[in-house]
Amino acid sequence: MTQEQKLLAVVGLLPVLADLLEDVELFRNSKKYANLFLNEVRRVDNIIIKDAELEAQSQQVNIQRAFRQWLETEFVAE
């Protein structure tokens, strides 16, 4: 993988993980640190993707969709 591909994978996956973390009920310090993490993920995502080429932005969305689809397949509710 190239450096650009690695970075695109990271900015593709982290926002999905941040969305999932937002849905988890956390308390006290855990919630505080989760919010710090969420804010940082969003900040880095905005910095990297806002100046990215349209193709890279499209690839990020495709990575996010594929990851969410994989999660739904692997973690089937019982």
PDB file of N, CA and C in Angstrom:
ATOM      1  N   MET A   1       0.835  -1.193   0.000  1.00  0.00           N
ATOM      2  CA  MET A   1       0.000   0.000   0.000  1.00  0.00           C
ATOM      3  C   MET A   1       0.877   1.253   0.000  1.00  0.00           C
ATOM      4  N   THR A   2       0.429   2.244  -0.729  1.00  0.00           N
ATOM      5  CA  THR A   2       1.137   3.521  -0.714  1.00  0.00           C
ATOM      6  C   THR A   2       0.735   4.301   0.535  1.00  0.00           C
ATOM      7  N   GLN A   3       1.477   5.347   0.821  1.00  0.00           N
ATOM      8  CA  GLN A   3       1.148   6.193   1.969  1.00  0.00           C
ATOM      9  C   GLN A   3      -0.238   6.810   1.803  1.00  0.00           C
ATOM     10  N   GLU A   4      -0.560   7.214   0.579  1.00  0.00           N
ATOM     11  CA  GLU A   4      -1.870   7.813   0.322  1.00  0.00           C
ATOM     12  C   GLU A   4      -2.992   6.805   0.553  1.00  0.00           C
ATOM     13  N   GLN A   5      -2.768   5.561   0.134  1.00  0.00           N
ATOM     14  CA  GLN A   5      -3.777   4.523   0.338  1.00  0.00           C
ATOM     15  C   GLN A   5      -3.966   4.223   1.823  1.00  0.00           C
ATOM     16  N   LYS A   6      -2.882   4.192   2.553  1.00  0.00           N
ATOM     17  CA  LYS A   6      -2.974   3.965   4.001  1.00  0.00           C
ATOM     18  C   LYS A   6      -3.755   5.089   4.673  1.00  0.00           C
ATOM     19  N   LEU A   7      -3.449   6.320   4.294  1.00  0.00           N
ATOM     20  CA  LEU A   7      -4.144   7.469   4.873  1.00  0.00           C
ATOM     21  C   LEU A   7      -5.624   7.435   4.521  1.00  0.00           C
ATOM     22  N   LEU A   8      -5.934   7.082   3.292  1.00  0.00           N
ATOM     23  CA  LEU A   8      -7.326   7.003   2.862  1.00  0.00           C
ATOM     24  C   LEU A   8      -8.065   5.912   3.640  1.00  0.00           C
ATOM     25  N   ALA A   9      -7.408   4.794   3.891  1.00  0.00           N
ATOM     26  CA  ALA A   9      -8.024   3.727   4.687  1.00  0.00           C
ATOM     27  C   ALA A   9      -8.324   4.218   6.100  1.00  0.00           C
ATOM     28  N   VAL A  10      -7.383   4.943   6.680  1.00  0.00           N
ATOM     29  CA  VAL A  10      -7.577   5.459   8.042  1.00  0.00           C
ATOM     30  C   VAL A  10      -8.735   6.453   8.081  1.00  0.00           C
ATOM     31  N   VAL A  11      -8.750   7.409   7.155  1.00  0.00           N
ATOM     32  CA  VAL A  11      -9.834   8.404   7.181  1.00  0.00           C
ATOM     33  C   VAL A  11     -11.144   7.816   6.673  1.00  0.00           C
ATOM     34  N   GLY A  12     -11.087   6.622   6.110  1.00  0.00           N
ATOM     35  CA  GLY A  12     -12.310   5.924   5.745  1.00  0.00           C
ATOM     36  C   GLY A  12     -12.906   5.183   6.925  1.00  0.00           C
ATOM     37  N   LEU A  13     -12.043   4.580   7.740  1.00  0.00           N
ATOM     38  CA  LEU A  13     -12.515   3.748   8.843  1.00  0.00           C
ATOM     39  C   LEU A  13     -12.789   4.529  10.130  1.00  0.00           C
ATOM     40  N   LEU A  14     -11.938   5.480  10.455  1.00  0.00           N
ATOM     41  CA  LEU A  14     -12.099   6.186  11.727  1.00  0.00           C
ATOM     42  C   LEU A  14     -13.458   6.863  11.890  1.00  0.00           C
ATOM     43  N   PRO A  15     -13.983   7.546  10.873  1.00  0.00           N
ATOM     44  CA  PRO A  15     -15.309   8.157  11.063  1.00  0.00           C
ATOM     45  C   PRO A  15     -16.408   7.129  11.343  1.00  0.00           C
ATOM     46  N   VAL A  16     -16.301   5.954  10.739  1.00  0.00           N
ATOM     47  CA  VAL A  16     -17.289   4.906  11.006  1.00  0.00           C
ATOM     48  C   VAL A  16     -17.167   4.443  12.452  1.00  0.00           C
ATOM     49  N   LEU A  17     -15.942   4.241  12.902  1.00  0.00           N
ATOM     50  CA  LEU A  17     -15.724   3.837  14.291  1.00  0.00           C
ATOM     51  C   LEU A  17     -16.227   4.911  15.255  1.00  0.00           C
ATOM     52  N   ALA A  18     -15.996   6.167  14.902  1.00  0.00           N
ATOM     53  CA  ALA A  18     -16.470   7.269  15.740  1.00  0.00           C
ATOM     54  C   ALA A  18     -17.994   7.271  15.803  1.00  0.00           C
ATOM     55  N   ASP A  19     -18.657   7.024  14.680  1.00  0.00           N
ATOM     56  CA  ASP A  19     -20.123   6.954  14.674  1.00  0.00           C
ATOM     57  C   ASP A  19     -20.617   5.835  15.579  1.00  0.00           C
ATOM     58  N   LEU A  20     -19.951   4.690  15.508  1.00  0.00           N
ATOM     59  CA  LEU A  20     -20.345   3.568  16.358  1.00  0.00           C
ATOM     60  C   LEU A  20     -20.152   3.906  17.834  1.00  0.00           C
ATOM     61  N   LEU A  21     -19.038   4.555  18.137  1.00  0.00           N
ATOM     62  CA  LEU A  21     -18.743   4.922  19.517  1.00  0.00           C
ATOM     63  C   LEU A  21     -19.782   5.893  20.068  1.00  0.00           C
ATOM     64  N   GLU A  22     -20.285   6.771  19.206  1.00  0.00           N
ATOM     65  CA  GLU A  22     -21.325   7.713  19.638  1.00  0.00           C
ATOM     66  C   GLU A  22     -22.589   6.993  20.092  1.00  0.00           C
ATOM     67  N   ASP A  23     -22.840   5.825  19.522  1.00  0.00           N
ATOM     68  CA  ASP A  23     -24.048   5.075  19.839  1.00  0.00           C
ATOM     69  C   ASP A  23     -23.928   4.244  21.117  1.00  0.00           C
ATOM     70  N   VAL A  24     -22.712   4.146  21.652  1.00  0.00           N
ATOM     71  CA  VAL A  24     -22.482   3.342  22.854  1.00  0.00           C
ATOM     72  C   VAL A  24     -22.720   4.209  24.087  1.00  0.00           C
ATOM     73  N   GLU A  25     -23.424   3.632  25.051  1.00  0.00           N
ATOM     74  CA  GLU A  25     -23.696   4.365  26.293  1.00  0.00           C
ATOM     75  C   GLU A  25     -22.469   4.255  27.203  1.00  0.00           C
ATOM     76  N   LEU A  26     -21.836   5.391  27.440  1.00  0.00           N
ATOM     77  CA  LEU A  26     -20.652   5.446  28.295  1.00  0.00           C
ATOM     78  C   LEU A  26     -20.903   6.409  29.446  1.00  0.00           C
ATOM     79  N   PHE A  27     -20.124   6.267  30.483  1.00  0.00           N
ATOM     80  CA  PHE A  27     -20.309   7.100  31.665  1.00  0.00           C
ATOM     81  C   PHE A  27     -18.989   7.697  32.119  1.00  0.00           C
ATOM     82  N   ARG A  28     -19.082   8.822  32.773  1.00  0.00           N
ATOM     83  CA  ARG A  28     -17.990   9.525  33.444  1.00  0.00           C
ATOM     84  C   ARG A  28     -16.767   9.710  32.553  1.00  0.00           C
ATOM     85  N   ASN A  29     -15.618   9.235  33.029  1.00  0.00           N
ATOM     86  CA  ASN A  29     -14.366   9.446  32.305  1.00  0.00           C
ATOM     87  C   ASN A  29     -14.374   8.793  30.932  1.00  0.00           C
ATOM     88  N   SER A  30     -15.023   7.647  30.834  1.00  0.00           N
ATOM     89  CA  SER A  30     -15.090   6.977  29.533  1.00  0.00           C
ATOM     90  C   SER A  30     -15.774   7.878  28.509  1.00  0.00           C
ATOM     91  N   LYS A  31     -16.857   8.501  28.902  1.00  0.00           N
ATOM     92  CA  LYS A  31     -17.587   9.403  28.009  1.00  0.00           C
ATOM     93  C   LYS A  31     -16.726  10.617  27.648  1.00  0.00           C
ATOM     94  N   LYS A  32     -16.013  11.138  28.625  1.00  0.00           N
ATOM     95  CA  LYS A  32     -15.142  12.299  28.404  1.00  0.00           C
ATOM     96  C   LYS A  32     -14.080  11.976  27.363  1.00  0.00           C
ATOM     97  N   TYR A  33     -13.416  10.844  27.524  1.00  0.00           N
ATOM     98  CA  TYR A  33     -12.348  10.478  26.593  1.00  0.00           C
ATOM     99  C   TYR A  33     -12.901  10.060  25.235  1.00  0.00           C
ATOM    100  N   ALA A  34     -14.068   9.460  25.237  1.00  0.00           N
ATOM    101  CA  ALA A  34     -14.703   9.125  23.964  1.00  0.00           C
ATOM    102  C   ALA A  34     -15.018  10.401  23.184  1.00  0.00           C
ATOM    103  N   ASN A  35     -15.518  11.415  23.867  1.00  0.00           N
ATOM    104  CA  ASN A  35     -15.821  12.681  23.195  1.00  0.00           C
ATOM    105  C   ASN A  35     -14.560  13.360  22.667  1.00  0.00           C
ATOM    106  N   LEU A  36     -13.487  13.285  23.410  1.00  0.00           N
ATOM    107  CA  LEU A  36     -12.212  13.831  22.918  1.00  0.00           C
ATOM    108  C   LEU A  36     -11.776  13.103  21.648  1.00  0.00           C
ATOM    109  N   PHE A  37     -11.904  11.789  21.663  1.00  0.00           N
ATOM    110  CA  PHE A  37     -11.561  10.980  20.492  1.00  0.00           C
ATOM    111  C   PHE A  37     -12.451  11.345  19.302  1.00  0.00           C
ATOM    112  N   LEU A  38     -13.754  11.435  19.540  1.00  0.00           N
ATOM    113  CA  LEU A  38     -14.690  11.769  18.463  1.00  0.00           C
ATOM    114  C   LEU A  38     -14.361  13.121  17.843  1.00  0.00           C
ATOM    115  N   ASN A  39     -14.105  14.099  18.675  1.00  0.00           N
ATOM    116  CA  ASN A  39     -13.766  15.434  18.169  1.00  0.00           C
ATOM    117  C   ASN A  39     -12.485  15.406  17.351  1.00  0.00           C
ATOM    118  N   GLU A  40     -11.504  14.652  17.806  1.00  0.00           N
ATOM    119  CA  GLU A  40     -10.230  14.573  17.089  1.00  0.00           C
ATOM    120  C   GLU A  40     -10.388  13.857  15.750  1.00  0.00           C
ATOM    121  N   VAL A  41     -11.167  12.789  15.720  1.00  0.00           N
ATOM    122  CA  VAL A  41     -11.421  12.073  14.463  1.00  0.00           C
ATOM    123  C   VAL A  41     -12.071  13.010  13.463  1.00  0.00           C
ATOM    124  N   ARG A  42     -13.064  13.743  13.898  1.00  0.00           N
ATOM    125  CA  ARG A  42     -13.759  14.662  12.986  1.00  0.00           C
ATOM    126  C   ARG A  42     -12.843  15.792  12.507  1.00  0.00           C
ATOM    127  N   ARG A  43     -12.011  16.284  13.403  1.00  0.00           N
ATOM    128  CA  ARG A  43     -11.082  17.356  13.036  1.00  0.00           C
ATOM    129  C   ARG A  43     -10.076  16.872  11.991  1.00  0.00           C
ATOM    130  N   VAL A  44      -9.478  15.724  12.227  1.00  0.00           N
ATOM    131  CA  VAL A  44      -8.494  15.177  11.286  1.00  0.00           C
ATOM    132  C   VAL A  44      -9.160  14.836   9.958  1.00  0.00           C
ATOM    133  N   ASP A  45     -10.346  14.255  10.021  1.00  0.00           N
ATOM    134  CA  ASP A  45     -11.080  13.926   8.800  1.00  0.00           C
ATOM    135  C   ASP A  45     -11.324  15.179   7.971  1.00  0.00           C
ATOM    136  N   ASN A  46     -11.762  16.247   8.618  1.00  0.00           N
ATOM    137  CA  ASN A  46     -12.018  17.500   7.905  1.00  0.00           C
ATOM    138  C   ASN A  46     -10.748  18.070   7.294  1.00  0.00           C
ATOM    139  N   ILE A  47      -9.659  17.999   8.018  1.00  0.00           N
ATOM    140  CA  ILE A  47      -8.392  18.537   7.512  1.00  0.00           C
ATOM    141  C   ILE A  47      -7.927  17.773   6.277  1.00  0.00           C
ATOM    142  N   ILE A  48      -8.005  16.458   6.346  1.00  0.00           N
ATOM    143  CA  ILE A  48      -7.471  15.636   5.259  1.00  0.00           C
ATOM    144  C   ILE A  48      -8.396  15.611   4.051  1.00  0.00           C
ATOM    145  N   ILE A  49      -9.666  15.401   4.272  1.00  0.00           N
ATOM    146  CA  ILE A  49     -10.587  15.190   3.161  1.00  0.00           C
ATOM    147  C   ILE A  49     -11.018  16.489   2.483  1.00  0.00           C
ATOM    148  N   LYS A  50     -11.046  17.599   3.201  1.00  0.00           N
ATOM    149  CA  LYS A  50     -11.535  18.837   2.571  1.00  0.00           C
ATOM    150  C   LYS A  50     -10.674  19.261   1.386  1.00  0.00           C
ATOM    151  N   ASP A  51      -9.383  18.958   1.420  1.00  0.00           N
ATOM    152  CA  ASP A  51      -8.489  19.332   0.321  1.00  0.00           C
ATOM    153  C   ASP A  51      -8.193  18.178  -0.626  1.00  0.00           C
ATOM    154  N   ALA A  52      -8.799  17.021  -0.378  1.00  0.00           N
ATOM    155  CA  ALA A  52      -8.542  15.851  -1.208  1.00  0.00           C
ATOM    156  C   ALA A  52      -9.247  15.978  -2.551  1.00  0.00           C
ATOM    157  N   GLU A  53      -8.709  15.270  -3.518  1.00  0.00           N
ATOM    158  CA  GLU A  53      -9.341  15.233  -4.833  1.00  0.00           C
ATOM    159  C   GLU A  53     -10.695  14.537  -4.726  1.00  0.00           C
ATOM    160  N   LEU A  54     -11.550  14.828  -5.675  1.00  0.00           N
ATOM    161  CA  LEU A  54     -12.890  14.248  -5.678  1.00  0.00           C
ATOM    162  C   LEU A  54     -12.836  12.722  -5.683  1.00  0.00           C
ATOM    163  N   GLU A  55     -11.890  12.151  -6.385  1.00  0.00           N
ATOM    164  CA  GLU A  55     -11.738  10.688  -6.438  1.00  0.00           C
ATOM    165  C   GLU A  55     -11.432  10.121  -5.047  1.00  0.00           C
ATOM    166  N   ALA A  56     -10.564  10.778  -4.308  1.00  0.00           N
ATOM    167  CA  ALA A  56     -10.223  10.331  -2.958  1.00  0.00           C
ATOM    168  C   ALA A  56     -11.431  10.444  -2.038  1.00  0.00           C
ATOM    169  N   GLN A  57     -12.201  11.511  -2.182  1.00  0.00           N
ATOM    170  CA  GLN A  57     -13.405  11.671  -1.366  1.00  0.00           C
ATOM    171  C   GLN A  57     -14.412  10.559  -1.667  1.00  0.00           C
ATOM    172  N   SER A  58     -14.532  10.228  -2.944  1.00  0.00           N
ATOM    173  CA  SER A  58     -15.430   9.151  -3.348  1.00  0.00           C
ATOM    174  C   SER A  58     -14.945   7.809  -2.806  1.00  0.00           C
ATOM    175  N   GLN A  59     -13.648   7.588  -2.853  1.00  0.00           N
ATOM    176  CA  GLN A  59     -13.083   6.348  -2.320  1.00  0.00           C
ATOM    177  C   GLN A  59     -13.320   6.245  -0.814  1.00  0.00           C
ATOM    178  N   GLN A  60     -13.222   7.369  -0.115  1.00  0.00           N
ATOM    179  CA  GLN A  60     -13.474   7.356   1.326  1.00  0.00           C
ATOM    180  C   GLN A  60     -14.902   6.886   1.603  1.00  0.00           C
ATOM    181  N   VAL A  61     -15.844   7.416   0.873  1.00  0.00           N
ATOM    182  CA  VAL A  61     -17.245   7.019   1.051  1.00  0.00           C
ATOM    183  C   VAL A  61     -17.412   5.532   0.738  1.00  0.00           C
ATOM    184  N   ASN A  62     -16.760   5.057  -0.314  1.00  0.00           N
ATOM    185  CA  ASN A  62     -16.852   3.634  -0.666  1.00  0.00           C
ATOM    186  C   ASN A  62     -16.249   2.747   0.430  1.00  0.00           C
ATOM    187  N   ILE A  63     -15.148   3.173   1.010  1.00  0.00           N
ATOM    188  CA  ILE A  63     -14.523   2.429   2.111  1.00  0.00           C
ATOM    189  C   ILE A  63     -15.480   2.374   3.299  1.00  0.00           C
ATOM    190  N   GLN A  64     -16.092   3.516   3.611  1.00  0.00           N
ATOM    191  CA  GLN A  64     -17.026   3.570   4.734  1.00  0.00           C
ATOM    192  C   GLN A  64     -18.211   2.644   4.505  1.00  0.00           C
ATOM    193  N   ARG A  65     -18.757   2.672   3.310  1.00  0.00           N
ATOM    194  CA  ARG A  65     -19.903   1.802   3.003  1.00  0.00           C
ATOM    195  C   ARG A  65     -19.517   0.326   3.102  1.00  0.00           C
ATOM    196  N   ALA A  66     -18.361  -0.014   2.537  1.00  0.00           N
ATOM    197  CA  ALA A  66     -17.909  -1.406   2.569  1.00  0.00           C
ATOM    198  C   ALA A  66     -17.666  -1.865   4.009  1.00  0.00           C
ATOM    199  N   PHE A  67     -17.081  -1.007   4.833  1.00  0.00           N
ATOM    200  CA  PHE A  67     -16.805  -1.352   6.220  1.00  0.00           C
ATOM    201  C   PHE A  67     -18.104  -1.538   6.994  1.00  0.00           C
ATOM    202  N   ARG A  68     -19.055  -0.621   6.790  1.00  0.00           N
ATOM    203  CA  ARG A  68     -20.349  -0.745   7.474  1.00  0.00           C
ATOM    204  C   ARG A  68     -21.063  -2.033   7.038  1.00  0.00           C
ATOM    205  N   GLN A  69     -20.980  -2.344   5.758  1.00  0.00           N
ATOM    206  CA  GLN A  69     -21.609  -3.564   5.247  1.00  0.00           C
ATOM    207  C   GLN A  69     -20.943  -4.799   5.860  1.00  0.00           C
ATOM    208  N   TRP A  70     -19.621  -4.776   5.965  1.00  0.00           N
ATOM    209  CA  TRP A  70     -18.906  -5.894   6.585  1.00  0.00           C
ATOM    210  C   TRP A  70     -19.330  -6.040   8.041  1.00  0.00           C
ATOM    211  N   LEU A  71     -19.433  -4.922   8.773  1.00  0.00           N
ATOM    212  CA  LEU A  71     -19.853  -4.974  10.165  1.00  0.00           C
ATOM    213  C   LEU A  71     -21.261  -5.592  10.299  1.00  0.00           C
ATOM    214  N   GLU A  72     -22.162  -5.174   9.433  1.00  0.00           N
ATOM    215  CA  GLU A  72     -23.526  -5.703   9.483  1.00  0.00           C
ATOM    216  C   GLU A  72     -23.548  -7.199   9.205  1.00  0.00           C
ATOM    217  N   THR A  73     -22.671  -7.643   8.319  1.00  0.00           N
ATOM    218  CA  THR A  73     -22.598  -9.071   7.975  1.00  0.00           C
ATOM    219  C   THR A  73     -21.992  -9.876   9.116  1.00  0.00           C
ATOM    220  N   GLU A  74     -20.941  -9.365   9.715  1.00  0.00           N
ATOM    221  CA  GLU A  74     -20.207 -10.098  10.745  1.00  0.00           C
ATOM    222  C   GLU A  74     -20.867 -10.049  12.123  1.00  0.00           C
ATOM    223  N   PHE A  75     -21.560  -8.972  12.417  1.00  0.00           N
ATOM    224  CA  PHE A  75     -22.178  -8.810  13.737  1.00  0.00           C
ATOM    225  C   PHE A  75     -23.698  -8.828  13.593  1.00  0.00           C
ATOM    226  N   VAL A  76     -24.210  -9.961  13.233  1.00  0.00           N
ATOM    227  CA  VAL A  76     -25.637 -10.127  13.053  1.00  0.00           C
ATOM    228  C   VAL A  76     -26.305 -10.166  14.424  1.00  0.00           C
ATOM    229  N   ALA A  77     -27.344  -9.350  14.577  1.00  0.00           N
ATOM    230  CA  ALA A  77     -28.096  -9.337  15.848  1.00  0.00           C
ATOM    231  C   ALA A  77     -28.817 -10.650  16.025  1.00  0.00           C
ATOM    232  N   GLU A  78     -28.790 -11.152  17.233  1.00  0.00           N
ATOM    233  CA  GLU A  78     -29.464 -12.437  17.520  1.00  0.00           C
ATOM    234  C   GLU A  78     -30.761 -12.225  18.236  1.00  0.00           C
TER     235      GLU A  78
END
